N, C-alpha and C. Protein backbone atom coordinates (compact mmCIF):
# COMPACT_ATOMS: atom_id res chain seq x y z
N MET A 1 -3.06 25.66 -20.32
CA MET A 1 -3.13 23.88 -20.69
C MET A 1 -4.66 23.50 -20.66
N LYS A 2 -4.93 22.97 -21.82
CA LYS A 2 -6.42 22.14 -21.73
C LYS A 2 -6.32 20.76 -22.00
N SER A 3 -7.16 20.11 -21.33
CA SER A 3 -7.24 18.72 -20.96
C SER A 3 -8.85 18.39 -21.06
N ILE A 4 -9.19 17.10 -21.75
CA ILE A 4 -10.30 16.28 -21.16
C ILE A 4 -10.44 16.06 -20.13
N ALA A 5 -12.03 16.13 -19.55
CA ALA A 5 -12.35 15.94 -18.29
C ALA A 5 -12.43 14.10 -18.17
N PHE A 6 -11.71 13.94 -17.12
CA PHE A 6 -11.99 12.32 -17.07
C PHE A 6 -12.58 12.37 -15.77
N PRO A 7 -13.46 11.32 -15.22
CA PRO A 7 -14.22 10.53 -16.40
C PRO A 7 -15.07 10.77 -17.23
N ILE A 8 -15.71 12.01 -16.83
CA ILE A 8 -16.93 12.73 -17.59
C ILE A 8 -16.41 13.14 -19.09
N MET A 9 -16.11 12.55 -19.63
CA MET A 9 -15.35 13.11 -20.95
C MET A 9 -16.48 13.67 -21.81
N PHE A 10 -17.25 13.02 -22.12
CA PHE A 10 -18.24 13.20 -23.55
C PHE A 10 -19.72 13.49 -22.89
N ASN A 11 -20.53 14.61 -23.33
CA ASN A 11 -21.74 14.71 -23.18
C ASN A 11 -22.47 14.51 -24.23
N ASN A 12 -24.02 14.24 -24.40
CA ASN A 12 -24.48 14.28 -25.77
C ASN A 12 -24.17 14.83 -26.82
N THR A 13 -23.68 15.99 -26.42
CA THR A 13 -23.45 17.19 -27.63
C THR A 13 -21.98 17.64 -27.96
N SER A 14 -21.23 17.37 -26.31
CA SER A 14 -19.97 18.45 -26.53
C SER A 14 -19.20 17.16 -25.68
N THR A 15 -17.79 17.61 -25.89
CA THR A 15 -16.70 17.02 -25.19
C THR A 15 -16.32 18.03 -24.10
N LYS A 16 -16.23 17.63 -22.89
CA LYS A 16 -15.96 18.19 -21.70
C LYS A 16 -14.66 18.76 -21.48
N ILE A 17 -14.18 20.13 -21.41
CA ILE A 17 -12.65 20.46 -21.40
C ILE A 17 -12.47 21.19 -20.07
N VAL A 18 -11.29 20.96 -19.58
CA VAL A 18 -10.75 21.60 -18.37
C VAL A 18 -9.51 22.78 -18.53
N ASP A 19 -9.61 23.65 -17.85
CA ASP A 19 -8.39 24.32 -18.16
C ASP A 19 -7.44 24.97 -16.89
N GLY A 20 -6.28 25.27 -17.52
CA GLY A 20 -5.41 25.68 -16.15
C GLY A 20 -5.15 24.71 -15.01
N HIS A 21 -5.47 24.96 -14.10
CA HIS A 21 -5.01 24.30 -12.72
C HIS A 21 -5.54 23.16 -12.65
N ASP A 22 -7.05 23.32 -13.15
CA ASP A 22 -7.63 21.85 -12.81
C ASP A 22 -6.95 20.74 -13.88
N ALA A 23 -6.73 21.22 -15.26
CA ALA A 23 -5.93 20.37 -16.24
C ALA A 23 -4.82 19.91 -15.64
N THR A 24 -3.97 20.76 -15.23
CA THR A 24 -2.65 20.41 -14.79
C THR A 24 -2.64 19.44 -13.51
N LEU A 25 -3.86 19.41 -12.55
CA LEU A 25 -4.01 18.44 -11.55
C LEU A 25 -4.33 17.29 -11.91
N GLN A 26 -5.37 16.87 -12.99
CA GLN A 26 -5.76 15.94 -13.49
C GLN A 26 -4.64 15.27 -14.23
N ASN A 27 -4.00 15.77 -14.75
CA ASN A 27 -2.90 15.03 -15.56
C ASN A 27 -1.92 14.50 -14.68
N LEU A 28 -1.53 15.26 -13.70
CA LEU A 28 -0.51 14.84 -12.79
C LEU A 28 -1.28 13.39 -12.07
N LYS A 29 -2.21 13.76 -11.61
CA LYS A 29 -3.28 12.53 -10.92
C LYS A 29 -3.07 11.18 -11.77
N LEU A 30 -3.38 11.52 -13.17
CA LEU A 30 -3.15 10.29 -14.14
C LEU A 30 -1.81 9.57 -14.14
N LEU A 31 -0.88 10.58 -14.26
CA LEU A 31 0.38 10.32 -14.62
C LEU A 31 1.01 9.38 -13.42
N LEU A 32 0.75 10.03 -12.03
CA LEU A 32 1.38 9.36 -10.84
C LEU A 32 0.42 7.90 -10.51
N LEU A 33 -0.55 7.93 -10.90
CA LEU A 33 -1.64 6.62 -10.62
C LEU A 33 -1.48 5.38 -11.50
N SER A 34 -0.89 5.90 -12.85
CA SER A 34 -0.41 4.81 -13.92
C SER A 34 0.68 4.03 -13.60
N ASP A 35 0.50 2.70 -13.89
CA ASP A 35 1.58 1.55 -13.92
C ASP A 35 2.74 2.27 -14.94
N ARG A 36 3.79 1.76 -14.80
CA ARG A 36 4.93 2.02 -15.58
C ARG A 36 4.77 1.67 -16.98
N GLY A 37 4.93 2.29 -18.22
CA GLY A 37 4.62 1.66 -19.50
C GLY A 37 3.32 1.46 -19.75
N GLY A 38 2.20 2.29 -19.20
CA GLY A 38 1.06 2.24 -19.10
C GLY A 38 0.26 2.73 -20.30
N LEU A 39 0.96 3.53 -21.30
CA LEU A 39 0.45 4.21 -21.94
C LEU A 39 1.11 3.79 -23.50
N PHE A 40 0.18 2.96 -24.21
CA PHE A 40 0.53 2.48 -25.22
C PHE A 40 1.76 1.55 -25.55
N GLY A 41 2.36 1.22 -24.19
CA GLY A 41 3.81 0.62 -24.04
C GLY A 41 4.58 1.47 -23.99
N ASP A 42 4.34 3.10 -23.87
CA ASP A 42 5.43 3.82 -23.67
C ASP A 42 6.29 3.56 -22.39
N PRO A 43 7.60 3.18 -22.29
CA PRO A 43 8.13 2.82 -20.88
C PRO A 43 8.71 3.65 -20.22
N TYR A 44 8.47 5.24 -20.67
CA TYR A 44 8.62 6.26 -19.53
C TYR A 44 7.75 6.85 -19.17
N TYR A 45 6.28 6.34 -19.15
CA TYR A 45 5.09 7.17 -18.73
C TYR A 45 4.80 6.00 -17.43
N GLY A 46 4.09 6.90 -16.58
CA GLY A 46 3.82 6.18 -15.37
C GLY A 46 4.69 5.88 -14.09
N THR A 47 4.68 5.69 -13.23
CA THR A 47 5.18 5.17 -12.13
C THR A 47 5.24 3.91 -11.57
N ILE A 48 6.14 3.65 -10.40
CA ILE A 48 6.16 2.34 -9.81
C ILE A 48 5.53 2.44 -8.42
N LEU A 49 4.66 3.69 -8.10
CA LEU A 49 4.05 3.79 -6.93
C LEU A 49 2.98 2.74 -6.49
N LYS A 50 2.23 2.15 -7.25
CA LYS A 50 1.41 1.02 -6.85
C LYS A 50 1.90 -0.03 -6.21
N ARG A 51 3.25 -0.54 -6.79
CA ARG A 51 3.87 -1.69 -6.24
C ARG A 51 4.68 -1.47 -4.94
N LEU A 52 4.68 0.16 -4.79
CA LEU A 52 5.60 0.27 -3.37
C LEU A 52 4.58 0.45 -2.29
N ILE A 53 3.34 0.33 -2.73
CA ILE A 53 2.20 0.95 -1.35
C ILE A 53 2.49 0.25 -0.13
N PHE A 54 2.49 -1.19 -0.26
CA PHE A 54 2.55 -2.15 0.90
C PHE A 54 4.14 -2.70 1.15
N GLU A 55 5.19 -1.78 0.89
CA GLU A 55 6.33 -2.09 1.42
C GLU A 55 6.56 -1.37 2.56
N GLN A 56 7.46 -2.11 3.52
CA GLN A 56 7.89 -1.41 4.69
C GLN A 56 8.60 -0.12 4.71
N ASN A 57 8.06 0.88 5.23
CA ASN A 57 8.27 2.37 5.36
C ASN A 57 9.61 2.40 6.03
N ASN A 58 10.57 3.07 5.45
CA ASN A 58 11.73 3.32 5.75
C ASN A 58 12.54 4.74 4.94
N SER A 59 13.58 4.77 5.39
CA SER A 59 13.93 6.00 4.59
C SER A 59 14.69 5.58 2.94
N ILE A 60 15.06 4.42 2.85
CA ILE A 60 15.18 4.15 1.25
C ILE A 60 14.11 3.98 0.60
N LEU A 61 12.82 3.76 1.02
CA LEU A 61 11.53 3.71 0.55
C LEU A 61 11.60 5.27 0.06
N LYS A 62 11.62 6.15 1.13
CA LYS A 62 11.05 7.36 1.10
C LYS A 62 11.96 8.08 -0.15
N ASP A 63 13.17 7.70 -0.46
CA ASP A 63 13.90 8.11 -1.18
C ASP A 63 13.53 7.52 -2.58
N ILE A 64 13.26 6.31 -2.62
CA ILE A 64 12.78 5.50 -4.25
C ILE A 64 11.63 6.24 -4.29
N VAL A 65 10.54 6.77 -3.70
CA VAL A 65 9.40 7.26 -3.97
C VAL A 65 9.73 8.78 -4.63
N VAL A 66 10.38 9.53 -3.74
CA VAL A 66 10.53 10.77 -4.16
C VAL A 66 11.58 11.14 -5.64
N ASP A 67 12.38 9.94 -5.60
CA ASP A 67 12.94 9.99 -7.16
C ASP A 67 11.92 9.54 -7.96
N ALA A 68 11.38 8.47 -7.96
CA ALA A 68 10.38 8.11 -8.85
C ALA A 68 9.03 9.27 -9.41
N ILE A 69 8.50 10.11 -8.59
CA ILE A 69 8.21 11.20 -8.68
C ILE A 69 8.29 12.16 -9.30
N TYR A 70 9.62 12.63 -8.99
CA TYR A 70 10.25 13.44 -9.63
C TYR A 70 10.69 13.28 -11.18
N THR A 71 11.37 12.18 -11.36
CA THR A 71 11.57 11.73 -12.48
C THR A 71 10.46 11.44 -13.76
N VAL A 72 9.18 11.14 -13.17
CA VAL A 72 8.19 11.17 -13.93
C VAL A 72 7.44 12.12 -14.34
N ILE A 73 7.63 13.25 -13.33
CA ILE A 73 7.21 14.72 -13.53
C ILE A 73 8.01 15.35 -14.73
N LEU A 74 9.39 15.02 -14.74
CA LEU A 74 10.26 15.78 -15.46
C LEU A 74 9.64 15.28 -17.08
């Protein structure tokens, strides 16, 4: 897998590209930290994790977070 390196995407003469594990890690970070519907209005891109940061920590919240992460990665 190849991906454009964020936030240092462009150099004066070329575009910085990352491969393999680094590309996958970078794409997952962007996906998990994006708000729901954050990519051109796509309702299935992103998660609700930012809204859940300051919620009370309990077993229901844990299930919601795990479900949100699995759903967005699929």
